[in-house]
Amino acid sequence: MTRSRNVFATTLMATLLLAGCQSGPTAVARADAARDPRVSGVVVVRSYDDEFKIDGGDVRVHVEYAWDYDRAIATERITDPQGKLVSLTDQPDLTLNLTDAEKAYALELASADPALKAQIEQSDYLYGGFSYREASDPDCYLGSRCVHVVASARGSAGDGWRKLVHAIVDVQTGRVIHPDFGGAETTPFDPAQLKAHQGNTP
């Protein structure tokens, strides 16, 4: 009986120690990595089936557009019905929308930024994910995955919405590039602006 108690106590202690390890800094790092879309290397953004002419015949194909985080470039991948690769082409000039996971990561990056954190916490609505790419902005041109992130709050007088934060975030590098993109708006703006970005108003 004493030996059984000792074995049980040893097993319990090991379980508790393991649980402690899993909930410590290493577990937090793993959770952060799981939310970071860059860890998967290649993120498929859009895909569809089509019909191509191959060797004189009509062949059904599957087309995927993806962002390659390892190489910082958009790609087009085409496979036949058996999954055999037909072509894999780099598309450096192609601007792809964000997936839901990438958008969530962009909002997370902005929310954690010291220059934006307090303002975002005071906001009523955080949205974004629409692409920003400018040849005149080297941080947000070829090889970047820059998007807008906006935080808005209801006007205290009930006269509409005010923009508290308008930042540019690069999901490729995991950085806030422009924490104050054009400045905040102190005058109310139409809720239709929110609808244009999100599909509905809060």
N, C-alpha and C. Protein backbone atom coordinates (compact mmCIF):
# COMPACT_ATOMS: atom_id res chain seq x y z
N MET A 1 0.83 -1.21 0.00
CA MET A 1 0.00 0.00 0.00
C MET A 1 0.86 1.25 0.00
N THR A 2 1.93 1.22 0.86
CA THR A 2 2.83 2.38 0.91
C THR A 2 3.50 2.60 -0.42
N ARG A 3 3.91 1.48 -1.06
CA ARG A 3 4.55 1.60 -2.37
C ARG A 3 3.60 2.19 -3.39
N SER A 4 2.30 1.80 -3.35
CA SER A 4 1.31 2.33 -4.29
C SER A 4 1.14 3.83 -4.09
N ARG A 5 1.12 4.26 -2.80
CA ARG A 5 0.98 5.70 -2.53
C ARG A 5 2.18 6.46 -3.09
N ASN A 6 3.38 5.89 -2.93
CA ASN A 6 4.58 6.55 -3.42
C ASN A 6 4.56 6.69 -4.94
N VAL A 7 4.12 5.60 -5.61
CA VAL A 7 4.04 5.63 -7.07
C VAL A 7 3.04 6.69 -7.51
N PHE A 8 1.86 6.73 -6.80
CA PHE A 8 0.84 7.72 -7.15
C PHE A 8 1.35 9.15 -6.95
N ALA A 9 2.05 9.36 -5.82
CA ALA A 9 2.58 10.69 -5.52
C ALA A 9 3.61 11.12 -6.56
N THR A 10 4.46 10.17 -6.96
CA THR A 10 5.48 10.48 -7.96
C THR A 10 4.84 10.83 -9.30
N THR A 11 3.82 10.04 -9.67
CA THR A 11 3.12 10.29 -10.94
C THR A 11 2.41 11.63 -10.92
N LEU A 12 1.75 11.94 -9.77
CA LEU A 12 1.05 13.22 -9.65
C LEU A 12 2.02 14.38 -9.75
N MET A 13 3.17 14.27 -9.08
CA MET A 13 4.16 15.35 -9.13
C MET A 13 4.66 15.57 -10.55
N ALA A 14 4.92 14.47 -11.26
CA ALA A 14 5.41 14.59 -12.64
C ALA A 14 4.36 15.25 -13.52
N THR A 15 3.08 14.89 -13.29
CA THR A 15 2.00 15.49 -14.08
C THR A 15 1.90 16.98 -13.84
N LEU A 16 1.99 17.38 -12.55
CA LEU A 16 1.92 18.79 -12.20
C LEU A 16 3.09 19.56 -12.78
N LEU A 17 4.29 18.96 -12.72
CA LEU A 17 5.46 19.63 -13.28
C LEU A 17 5.31 19.80 -14.78
N LEU A 18 4.80 18.76 -15.44
CA LEU A 18 4.59 18.84 -16.89
C LEU A 18 3.57 19.90 -17.23
N ALA A 19 2.49 19.97 -16.46
CA ALA A 19 1.47 20.99 -16.69
C ALA A 19 2.04 22.37 -16.51
N GLY A 20 2.92 22.52 -15.49
CA GLY A 20 3.55 23.81 -15.25
C GLY A 20 4.41 24.22 -16.41
N CYS A 21 5.13 23.25 -16.99
CA CYS A 21 5.98 23.55 -18.14
C CYS A 21 5.12 23.96 -19.33
N GLN A 22 3.97 23.28 -19.50
CA GLN A 22 3.13 23.56 -20.65
C GLN A 22 2.44 24.90 -20.55
N SER A 23 2.27 25.42 -19.33
CA SER A 23 1.59 26.69 -19.17
C SER A 23 2.54 27.85 -18.94
N GLY A 24 3.83 27.59 -19.01
CA GLY A 24 4.84 28.62 -18.77
C GLY A 24 5.20 29.37 -20.02
N PRO A 25 6.36 30.06 -20.02
CA PRO A 25 6.78 30.88 -21.16
C PRO A 25 6.87 30.11 -22.47
N THR A 26 7.31 28.84 -22.40
CA THR A 26 7.43 28.06 -23.63
C THR A 26 6.07 27.86 -24.27
N ALA A 27 5.04 27.57 -23.43
CA ALA A 27 3.70 27.38 -23.96
C ALA A 27 3.17 28.67 -24.57
N VAL A 28 3.47 29.79 -23.93
CA VAL A 28 3.05 31.09 -24.46
C VAL A 28 3.70 31.34 -25.82
N ALA A 29 4.99 31.00 -25.92
CA ALA A 29 5.70 31.18 -27.19
C ALA A 29 5.09 30.31 -28.27
N ARG A 30 4.70 29.06 -27.89
CA ARG A 30 4.08 28.18 -28.87
C ARG A 30 2.74 28.73 -29.32
N ALA A 31 1.97 29.27 -28.37
CA ALA A 31 0.67 29.84 -28.71
C ALA A 31 0.83 31.05 -29.63
N ASP A 32 1.82 31.89 -29.34
CA ASP A 32 2.08 33.05 -30.19
C ASP A 32 2.46 32.61 -31.59
N ALA A 33 3.30 31.56 -31.68
CA ALA A 33 3.74 31.06 -32.98
C ALA A 33 2.56 30.49 -33.76
N ALA A 34 1.63 29.83 -33.04
CA ALA A 34 0.47 29.25 -33.71
C ALA A 34 -0.42 30.32 -34.33
N ARG A 35 -0.44 31.50 -33.72
CA ARG A 35 -1.25 32.59 -34.26
C ARG A 35 -0.54 33.32 -35.39
N ASP A 36 0.75 33.17 -35.49
CA ASP A 36 1.54 33.84 -36.51
C ASP A 36 1.46 33.04 -37.80
N PRO A 37 0.80 33.57 -38.84
CA PRO A 37 0.64 32.80 -40.08
C PRO A 37 1.95 32.52 -40.79
N ARG A 38 3.01 33.25 -40.42
CA ARG A 38 4.29 33.08 -41.10
C ARG A 38 4.93 31.72 -40.81
N VAL A 39 4.53 31.08 -39.71
CA VAL A 39 5.18 29.82 -39.33
C VAL A 39 4.85 28.71 -40.33
N SER A 40 3.74 28.85 -41.07
CA SER A 40 3.37 27.79 -42.02
C SER A 40 4.15 27.90 -43.32
N GLY A 41 4.88 29.00 -43.51
CA GLY A 41 5.70 29.15 -44.71
C GLY A 41 4.92 29.68 -45.90
N VAL A 42 3.93 28.91 -46.35
CA VAL A 42 3.12 29.31 -47.49
C VAL A 42 1.65 29.32 -47.06
N VAL A 43 0.96 30.44 -47.31
CA VAL A 43 -0.45 30.57 -46.96
C VAL A 43 -1.27 30.70 -48.24
N VAL A 44 -2.17 29.74 -48.47
CA VAL A 44 -3.05 29.81 -49.64
C VAL A 44 -4.14 30.82 -49.37
N VAL A 45 -4.24 31.80 -50.26
CA VAL A 45 -5.20 32.89 -50.09
C VAL A 45 -6.47 32.65 -50.91
N ARG A 46 -6.28 32.13 -52.11
CA ARG A 46 -7.43 31.94 -53.00
C ARG A 46 -7.19 30.73 -53.89
N SER A 47 -8.24 29.96 -54.15
CA SER A 47 -8.10 28.80 -55.03
C SER A 47 -9.42 28.55 -55.76
N TYR A 48 -9.32 27.93 -56.93
CA TYR A 48 -10.51 27.62 -57.71
C TYR A 48 -10.15 26.56 -58.76
N ASP A 49 -11.17 25.91 -59.31
CA ASP A 49 -10.98 24.94 -60.38
C ASP A 49 -11.25 25.62 -61.72
N ASP A 50 -10.50 25.19 -62.75
CA ASP A 50 -10.64 25.81 -64.07
C ASP A 50 -10.35 24.76 -65.12
N GLU A 51 -10.39 25.18 -66.36
CA GLU A 51 -10.10 24.29 -67.49
C GLU A 51 -9.07 24.96 -68.38
N PHE A 52 -7.95 24.27 -68.59
CA PHE A 52 -6.87 24.80 -69.41
C PHE A 52 -6.66 23.92 -70.63
N LYS A 53 -6.08 24.53 -71.66
CA LYS A 53 -5.62 23.78 -72.83
C LYS A 53 -4.21 23.28 -72.54
N ILE A 54 -4.04 21.97 -72.47
CA ILE A 54 -2.72 21.37 -72.25
C ILE A 54 -2.50 20.30 -73.30
N ASP A 55 -1.43 20.45 -74.08
CA ASP A 55 -1.11 19.51 -75.16
C ASP A 55 -2.29 19.32 -76.12
N GLY A 56 -2.97 20.43 -76.40
CA GLY A 56 -4.06 20.38 -77.37
C GLY A 56 -5.40 19.93 -76.83
N GLY A 57 -5.45 19.53 -75.56
CA GLY A 57 -6.71 19.04 -74.99
C GLY A 57 -7.16 19.88 -73.81
N ASP A 58 -8.45 19.82 -73.52
CA ASP A 58 -9.00 20.52 -72.36
C ASP A 58 -8.78 19.68 -71.11
N VAL A 59 -8.12 20.30 -70.14
CA VAL A 59 -7.79 19.58 -68.90
C VAL A 59 -8.27 20.39 -67.70
N ARG A 60 -8.98 19.72 -66.80
CA ARG A 60 -9.39 20.38 -65.58
C ARG A 60 -8.17 20.60 -64.69
N VAL A 61 -8.06 21.77 -64.11
CA VAL A 61 -6.92 22.08 -63.26
C VAL A 61 -7.41 22.77 -61.98
N HIS A 62 -6.54 22.75 -60.99
CA HIS A 62 -6.80 23.46 -59.74
C HIS A 62 -5.76 24.57 -59.62
N VAL A 63 -6.24 25.80 -59.39
CA VAL A 63 -5.36 26.98 -59.34
C VAL A 63 -5.35 27.52 -57.91
N GLU A 64 -4.15 27.77 -57.40
CA GLU A 64 -4.00 28.34 -56.07
C GLU A 64 -3.11 29.57 -56.13
N TYR A 65 -3.56 30.63 -55.47
CA TYR A 65 -2.72 31.81 -55.27
C TYR A 65 -2.36 31.87 -53.79
N ALA A 66 -1.07 32.00 -53.54
CA ALA A 66 -0.60 31.92 -52.15
C ALA A 66 0.48 32.95 -51.90
N TRP A 67 0.70 33.21 -50.61
CA TRP A 67 1.80 34.08 -50.21
C TRP A 67 2.87 33.21 -49.56
N ASP A 68 4.09 33.27 -50.12
CA ASP A 68 5.22 32.50 -49.61
C ASP A 68 5.99 33.38 -48.63
N TYR A 69 5.82 33.12 -47.33
CA TYR A 69 6.47 33.94 -46.31
C TYR A 69 7.98 33.71 -46.25
N ASP A 70 8.42 32.54 -46.65
CA ASP A 70 9.86 32.28 -46.64
C ASP A 70 10.59 33.12 -47.68
N ARG A 71 9.93 33.39 -48.80
CA ARG A 71 10.56 34.15 -49.89
C ARG A 71 9.94 35.53 -50.09
N ALA A 72 8.89 35.85 -49.32
CA ALA A 72 8.21 37.15 -49.39
C ALA A 72 7.73 37.46 -50.81
N ILE A 73 6.91 36.55 -51.35
CA ILE A 73 6.43 36.73 -52.72
C ILE A 73 5.12 35.96 -52.90
N ALA A 74 4.25 36.47 -53.78
CA ALA A 74 3.03 35.76 -54.14
C ALA A 74 3.35 34.72 -55.22
N THR A 75 2.62 33.61 -55.19
CA THR A 75 2.86 32.55 -56.17
C THR A 75 1.53 32.06 -56.76
N GLU A 76 1.63 31.54 -57.97
CA GLU A 76 0.50 30.88 -58.62
C GLU A 76 0.89 29.41 -58.83
N ARG A 77 0.09 28.51 -58.30
CA ARG A 77 0.37 27.08 -58.41
C ARG A 77 -0.80 26.41 -59.13
N ILE A 78 -0.51 25.66 -60.18
CA ILE A 78 -1.54 24.98 -60.96
C ILE A 78 -1.23 23.48 -60.96
N THR A 79 -2.24 22.68 -60.62
CA THR A 79 -2.09 21.22 -60.61
C THR A 79 -3.22 20.58 -61.41
N ASP A 80 -2.96 19.36 -61.90
CA ASP A 80 -3.99 18.63 -62.64
C ASP A 80 -4.89 17.87 -61.65
N PRO A 81 -5.94 17.19 -62.13
CA PRO A 81 -6.87 16.50 -61.23
C PRO A 81 -6.21 15.45 -60.34
N GLN A 82 -5.05 14.94 -60.75
CA GLN A 82 -4.32 13.95 -59.95
C GLN A 82 -3.36 14.60 -58.95
N GLY A 83 -3.33 15.93 -58.95
CA GLY A 83 -2.45 16.64 -58.03
C GLY A 83 -1.06 16.86 -58.58
N LYS A 84 -0.82 16.48 -59.83
CA LYS A 84 0.49 16.67 -60.44
C LYS A 84 0.70 18.15 -60.78
N LEU A 85 1.88 18.65 -60.47
CA LEU A 85 2.18 20.06 -60.71
C LEU A 85 2.26 20.36 -62.19
N VAL A 86 1.46 21.34 -62.63
CA VAL A 86 1.50 21.81 -64.01
C VAL A 86 2.44 23.00 -64.12
N SER A 87 2.30 23.94 -63.17
CA SER A 87 3.20 25.10 -63.16
C SER A 87 3.20 25.73 -61.78
N LEU A 88 4.32 26.36 -61.46
CA LEU A 88 4.46 27.12 -60.22
C LEU A 88 5.20 28.41 -60.59
N THR A 89 4.50 29.54 -60.49
CA THR A 89 5.03 30.81 -61.00
C THR A 89 5.03 31.87 -59.91
N ASP A 90 6.14 32.57 -59.79
CA ASP A 90 6.20 33.72 -58.89
C ASP A 90 5.42 34.88 -59.50
N GLN A 91 4.70 35.60 -58.62
CA GLN A 91 3.90 36.74 -59.05
C GLN A 91 4.24 37.96 -58.18
N PRO A 92 5.42 38.55 -58.38
CA PRO A 92 5.87 39.63 -57.49
C PRO A 92 4.99 40.87 -57.49
N ASP A 93 4.27 41.11 -58.58
CA ASP A 93 3.42 42.30 -58.67
C ASP A 93 1.98 42.06 -58.19
N LEU A 94 1.69 40.83 -57.82
CA LEU A 94 0.33 40.48 -57.41
C LEU A 94 0.10 40.87 -55.95
N THR A 95 -0.99 41.59 -55.70
CA THR A 95 -1.38 41.94 -54.33
C THR A 95 -2.53 41.04 -53.92
N LEU A 96 -2.31 40.25 -52.88
CA LEU A 96 -3.32 39.31 -52.40
C LEU A 96 -4.00 39.83 -51.14
N ASN A 97 -5.28 39.57 -51.02
CA ASN A 97 -5.98 39.87 -49.79
C ASN A 97 -5.44 39.02 -48.65
N LEU A 98 -5.76 39.39 -47.42
CA LEU A 98 -5.37 38.59 -46.27
C LEU A 98 -6.39 37.49 -46.00
N THR A 99 -5.92 36.37 -45.49
CA THR A 99 -6.83 35.37 -44.95
C THR A 99 -7.34 35.86 -43.60
N ASP A 100 -8.33 35.19 -43.04
CA ASP A 100 -8.85 35.58 -41.73
C ASP A 100 -7.75 35.50 -40.66
N ALA A 101 -6.91 34.47 -40.74
CA ALA A 101 -5.84 34.31 -39.76
C ALA A 101 -4.82 35.43 -39.88
N GLU A 102 -4.49 35.81 -41.12
CA GLU A 102 -3.53 36.90 -41.33
C GLU A 102 -4.11 38.23 -40.83
N LYS A 103 -5.41 38.44 -41.08
CA LYS A 103 -6.04 39.67 -40.62
C LYS A 103 -6.02 39.74 -39.09
N ALA A 104 -6.33 38.62 -38.44
CA ALA A 104 -6.30 38.58 -36.98
C ALA A 104 -4.91 38.89 -36.45
N TYR A 105 -3.91 38.38 -37.14
CA TYR A 105 -2.52 38.63 -36.73
C TYR A 105 -2.16 40.11 -36.90
N ALA A 106 -2.62 40.73 -37.98
CA ALA A 106 -2.37 42.16 -38.21
C ALA A 106 -2.99 43.00 -37.09
N LEU A 107 -4.22 42.68 -36.71
CA LEU A 107 -4.88 43.41 -35.62
C LEU A 107 -4.15 43.20 -34.30
N GLU A 108 -3.64 41.98 -34.13
CA GLU A 108 -2.90 41.65 -32.90
C GLU A 108 -1.59 42.45 -32.83
N LEU A 109 -0.92 42.57 -33.96
CA LEU A 109 0.33 43.34 -34.00
C LEU A 109 0.08 44.80 -33.63
N ALA A 110 -0.97 45.37 -34.18
CA ALA A 110 -1.29 46.77 -33.87
C ALA A 110 -1.67 46.93 -32.41
N SER A 111 -2.46 45.99 -31.89
CA SER A 111 -2.92 46.09 -30.50
C SER A 111 -1.78 45.97 -29.50
N ALA A 112 -0.72 45.28 -29.88
CA ALA A 112 0.42 45.08 -28.97
C ALA A 112 1.46 46.19 -29.08
N ASP A 113 1.34 47.05 -30.08
CA ASP A 113 2.34 48.10 -30.28
C ASP A 113 2.24 49.15 -29.17
N PRO A 114 3.35 49.49 -28.51
CA PRO A 114 3.31 50.46 -27.40
C PRO A 114 2.73 51.81 -27.78
N ALA A 115 2.92 52.22 -29.04
CA ALA A 115 2.42 53.53 -29.46
C ALA A 115 0.92 53.52 -29.73
N LEU A 116 0.33 52.32 -29.87
CA LEU A 116 -1.08 52.21 -30.24
C LEU A 116 -1.96 51.54 -29.19
N LYS A 117 -1.33 50.81 -28.30
CA LYS A 117 -2.05 49.95 -27.37
C LYS A 117 -3.15 50.69 -26.60
N ALA A 118 -2.83 51.83 -25.99
CA ALA A 118 -3.80 52.55 -25.15
C ALA A 118 -4.98 53.05 -25.98
N GLN A 119 -4.70 53.58 -27.17
CA GLN A 119 -5.78 54.09 -28.01
C GLN A 119 -6.69 52.97 -28.49
N ILE A 120 -6.11 51.83 -28.85
CA ILE A 120 -6.92 50.71 -29.31
C ILE A 120 -7.79 50.17 -28.19
N GLU A 121 -7.25 50.15 -26.97
CA GLU A 121 -8.04 49.67 -25.83
C GLU A 121 -9.23 50.57 -25.56
N GLN A 122 -9.14 51.85 -25.93
CA GLN A 122 -10.23 52.79 -25.72
C GLN A 122 -11.24 52.78 -26.88
N SER A 123 -10.91 52.09 -27.95
CA SER A 123 -11.78 52.11 -29.13
C SER A 123 -12.96 51.16 -28.95
N ASP A 124 -13.98 51.38 -29.78
CA ASP A 124 -15.15 50.50 -29.80
C ASP A 124 -15.10 49.50 -30.94
N TYR A 125 -14.24 49.76 -31.90
CA TYR A 125 -14.24 48.93 -33.10
C TYR A 125 -12.85 48.91 -33.71
N LEU A 126 -12.31 47.72 -33.90
CA LEU A 126 -10.98 47.54 -34.51
C LEU A 126 -11.16 46.70 -35.77
N TYR A 127 -10.69 47.22 -36.88
CA TYR A 127 -10.87 46.51 -38.14
C TYR A 127 -9.71 46.82 -39.07
N GLY A 128 -9.71 46.19 -40.23
CA GLY A 128 -8.63 46.42 -41.20
C GLY A 128 -8.36 45.21 -42.04
N GLY A 129 -7.15 45.17 -42.61
CA GLY A 129 -6.77 44.05 -43.45
C GLY A 129 -6.75 44.38 -44.93
N PHE A 130 -7.20 45.58 -45.32
CA PHE A 130 -7.18 45.95 -46.73
C PHE A 130 -5.77 46.40 -47.10
N SER A 131 -5.35 45.97 -48.27
CA SER A 131 -3.93 46.06 -48.66
C SER A 131 -3.45 47.49 -48.87
N TYR A 132 -2.17 47.66 -48.59
CA TYR A 132 -1.49 48.93 -48.85
C TYR A 132 -0.14 48.60 -49.49
N ARG A 133 0.04 49.04 -50.73
CA ARG A 133 1.32 48.84 -51.43
C ARG A 133 1.62 50.07 -52.27
N GLU A 134 2.76 50.69 -52.00
CA GLU A 134 3.14 51.90 -52.71
C GLU A 134 4.61 51.83 -53.13
N ALA A 135 4.87 52.12 -54.40
CA ALA A 135 6.24 52.10 -54.91
C ALA A 135 7.11 53.14 -54.20
N SER A 136 6.49 54.22 -53.73
CA SER A 136 7.23 55.28 -53.04
C SER A 136 7.52 54.95 -51.58
N ASP A 137 6.99 53.84 -51.10
CA ASP A 137 7.18 53.43 -49.71
C ASP A 137 7.94 52.10 -49.69
N PRO A 138 9.26 52.14 -49.53
CA PRO A 138 10.06 50.91 -49.65
C PRO A 138 9.69 49.82 -48.65
N ASP A 139 9.14 50.20 -47.49
CA ASP A 139 8.74 49.20 -46.49
C ASP A 139 7.45 48.50 -46.88
N CYS A 140 6.72 49.07 -47.81
CA CYS A 140 5.42 48.51 -48.20
C CYS A 140 5.29 48.39 -49.71
N TYR A 141 6.35 47.86 -50.32
CA TYR A 141 6.28 47.64 -51.76
C TYR A 141 6.55 46.17 -52.02
N LEU A 142 7.36 45.85 -53.00
CA LEU A 142 7.63 44.46 -53.34
C LEU A 142 8.19 43.71 -52.12
N GLY A 143 7.66 42.53 -51.89
CA GLY A 143 8.13 41.72 -50.76
C GLY A 143 7.43 42.02 -49.45
N SER A 144 6.51 42.95 -49.46
CA SER A 144 5.80 43.30 -48.22
C SER A 144 4.38 42.73 -48.26
N ARG A 145 3.78 42.72 -47.09
CA ARG A 145 2.37 42.31 -46.96
C ARG A 145 1.69 43.33 -46.04
N CYS A 146 1.77 44.60 -46.46
CA CYS A 146 1.27 45.71 -45.64
C CYS A 146 -0.24 45.86 -45.77
N VAL A 147 -0.87 46.19 -44.66
CA VAL A 147 -2.31 46.40 -44.63
C VAL A 147 -2.66 47.55 -43.69
N HIS A 148 -3.83 48.11 -43.88
CA HIS A 148 -4.36 49.14 -42.99
C HIS A 148 -4.97 48.49 -41.75
N VAL A 149 -4.79 49.12 -40.59
CA VAL A 149 -5.50 48.74 -39.37
C VAL A 149 -6.08 50.03 -38.77
N VAL A 150 -7.37 50.01 -38.47
CA VAL A 150 -8.06 51.20 -37.99
C VAL A 150 -8.83 50.88 -36.72
N ALA A 151 -8.74 51.78 -35.74
CA ALA A 151 -9.53 51.68 -34.52
C ALA A 151 -10.43 52.91 -34.43
N SER A 152 -11.71 52.70 -34.19
CA SER A 152 -12.67 53.80 -34.14
C SER A 152 -13.46 53.77 -32.84
N ALA A 153 -14.00 54.92 -32.47
CA ALA A 153 -14.81 55.04 -31.26
C ALA A 153 -16.05 55.85 -31.57
N ARG A 154 -17.12 55.55 -30.86
CA ARG A 154 -18.35 56.34 -30.99
C ARG A 154 -18.13 57.74 -30.41
N GLY A 155 -18.66 58.74 -31.10
CA GLY A 155 -18.54 60.11 -30.60
C GLY A 155 -19.31 60.27 -29.30
N SER A 156 -18.73 61.01 -28.36
CA SER A 156 -19.36 61.19 -27.05
C SER A 156 -20.70 61.90 -27.15
N ALA A 157 -20.88 62.70 -28.19
CA ALA A 157 -22.13 63.43 -28.37
C ALA A 157 -23.13 62.64 -29.22
N GLY A 158 -22.79 61.40 -29.50
CA GLY A 158 -23.68 60.57 -30.30
C GLY A 158 -23.77 61.03 -31.74
N ASP A 159 -22.71 61.68 -32.22
CA ASP A 159 -22.75 62.25 -33.57
C ASP A 159 -21.89 61.48 -34.56
N GLY A 160 -21.81 60.18 -34.39
CA GLY A 160 -21.07 59.37 -35.35
C GLY A 160 -19.83 58.73 -34.76
N TRP A 161 -18.92 58.33 -35.64
CA TRP A 161 -17.72 57.63 -35.26
C TRP A 161 -16.49 58.50 -35.48
N ARG A 162 -15.48 58.30 -34.62
CA ARG A 162 -14.21 59.00 -34.79
C ARG A 162 -13.08 57.97 -34.87
N LYS A 163 -12.16 58.24 -35.76
CA LYS A 163 -11.02 57.35 -35.94
C LYS A 163 -9.94 57.70 -34.93
N LEU A 164 -9.58 56.73 -34.07
CA LEU A 164 -8.54 56.95 -33.07
C LEU A 164 -7.16 56.53 -33.58
N VAL A 165 -7.14 55.48 -34.37
CA VAL A 165 -5.88 54.92 -34.87
C VAL A 165 -6.03 54.58 -36.35
N HIS A 166 -5.05 54.94 -37.13
CA HIS A 166 -4.95 54.47 -38.51
C HIS A 166 -3.48 54.11 -38.74
N ALA A 167 -3.19 52.82 -38.70
CA ALA A 167 -1.81 52.35 -38.80
C ALA A 167 -1.63 51.47 -40.03
N ILE A 168 -0.38 51.34 -40.45
CA ILE A 168 -0.01 50.41 -41.51
C ILE A 168 0.86 49.33 -40.88
N VAL A 169 0.44 48.08 -41.05
CA VAL A 169 1.13 46.94 -40.45
C VAL A 169 1.62 46.02 -41.57
N ASP A 170 2.84 45.53 -41.45
CA ASP A 170 3.37 44.56 -42.41
C ASP A 170 3.36 43.17 -41.79
N VAL A 171 2.47 42.33 -42.28
CA VAL A 171 2.35 40.97 -41.75
C VAL A 171 3.58 40.14 -42.12
N GLN A 172 4.24 40.47 -43.23
CA GLN A 172 5.44 39.74 -43.65
C GLN A 172 6.55 39.84 -42.62
N THR A 173 6.81 41.04 -42.12
CA THR A 173 7.89 41.24 -41.16
C THR A 173 7.41 41.29 -39.72
N GLY A 174 6.07 41.30 -39.53
CA GLY A 174 5.54 41.35 -38.18
C GLY A 174 5.78 42.67 -37.49
N ARG A 175 5.70 43.80 -38.26
CA ARG A 175 6.00 45.12 -37.71
C ARG A 175 4.88 46.11 -38.00
N VAL A 176 4.73 47.08 -37.11
CA VAL A 176 3.91 48.26 -37.40
C VAL A 176 4.82 49.23 -38.14
N ILE A 177 4.52 49.50 -39.40
CA ILE A 177 5.37 50.34 -40.24
C ILE A 177 5.07 51.82 -39.99
N HIS A 178 3.80 52.17 -40.03
CA HIS A 178 3.39 53.56 -39.82
C HIS A 178 2.32 53.58 -38.72
N PRO A 179 2.67 53.93 -37.50
CA PRO A 179 1.67 53.93 -36.43
C PRO A 179 0.65 55.06 -36.56
N ASP A 180 1.00 56.12 -37.26
CA ASP A 180 0.09 57.26 -37.43
C ASP A 180 0.01 57.60 -38.91
N PHE A 181 -0.80 56.85 -39.63
CA PHE A 181 -0.89 57.01 -41.08
C PHE A 181 -1.94 58.07 -41.41
N GLY A 182 -1.49 59.29 -41.59
CA GLY A 182 -2.40 60.36 -41.95
C GLY A 182 -3.08 61.02 -40.78
N GLY A 183 -2.79 60.57 -39.55
CA GLY A 183 -3.38 61.20 -38.38
C GLY A 183 -4.78 60.70 -38.08
N ALA A 184 -5.20 60.90 -36.84
CA ALA A 184 -6.55 60.51 -36.44
C ALA A 184 -7.55 61.57 -36.86
N GLU A 185 -8.80 61.17 -36.99
CA GLU A 185 -9.85 62.10 -37.38
C GLU A 185 -10.62 62.54 -36.14
N THR A 186 -10.67 63.84 -35.90
CA THR A 186 -11.39 64.34 -34.73
C THR A 186 -12.84 64.67 -35.06
N THR A 187 -13.16 64.80 -36.35
CA THR A 187 -14.54 65.04 -36.75
C THR A 187 -15.21 63.71 -37.08
N PRO A 188 -16.52 63.64 -36.86
CA PRO A 188 -17.22 62.37 -37.13
C PRO A 188 -17.12 61.98 -38.60
N PHE A 189 -17.14 60.69 -38.86
CA PHE A 189 -17.21 60.24 -40.24
C PHE A 189 -18.38 59.29 -40.39
N ASP A 190 -18.82 59.14 -41.60
CA ASP A 190 -20.03 58.40 -41.89
C ASP A 190 -19.85 56.92 -41.59
N PRO A 191 -20.83 56.25 -40.95
CA PRO A 191 -20.73 54.81 -40.71
C PRO A 191 -20.57 54.00 -41.98
N ALA A 192 -20.91 54.59 -43.13
CA ALA A 192 -20.73 53.87 -44.40
C ALA A 192 -19.27 53.54 -44.63
N GLN A 193 -18.36 54.35 -44.05
CA GLN A 193 -16.93 54.06 -44.18
C GLN A 193 -16.60 52.74 -43.48
N LEU A 194 -17.23 52.50 -42.35
CA LEU A 194 -17.02 51.23 -41.67
C LEU A 194 -17.60 50.09 -42.50
N LYS A 195 -18.79 50.33 -43.05
CA LYS A 195 -19.45 49.29 -43.83
C LYS A 195 -18.61 48.91 -45.05
N ALA A 196 -17.95 49.89 -45.64
CA ALA A 196 -17.13 49.63 -46.82
C ALA A 196 -15.98 48.71 -46.50
N HIS A 197 -15.47 48.78 -45.26
CA HIS A 197 -14.32 47.98 -44.90
C HIS A 197 -14.70 46.63 -44.31
N GLN A 198 -15.84 46.57 -43.61
CA GLN A 198 -16.18 45.37 -42.85
C GLN A 198 -17.40 44.64 -43.39
N GLY A 199 -18.26 45.35 -44.11
CA GLY A 199 -19.45 44.70 -44.62
C GLY A 199 -20.69 45.03 -43.80
N ASN A 200 -20.50 45.50 -42.57
CA ASN A 200 -21.63 45.95 -41.76
C ASN A 200 -21.12 46.92 -40.71
N THR A 201 -22.02 47.68 -40.14
CA THR A 201 -21.63 48.61 -39.10
C THR A 201 -21.84 47.97 -37.74
N PRO A 202 -21.05 48.35 -36.75
CA PRO A 202 -21.16 47.71 -35.44
C PRO A 202 -22.47 48.08 -34.75
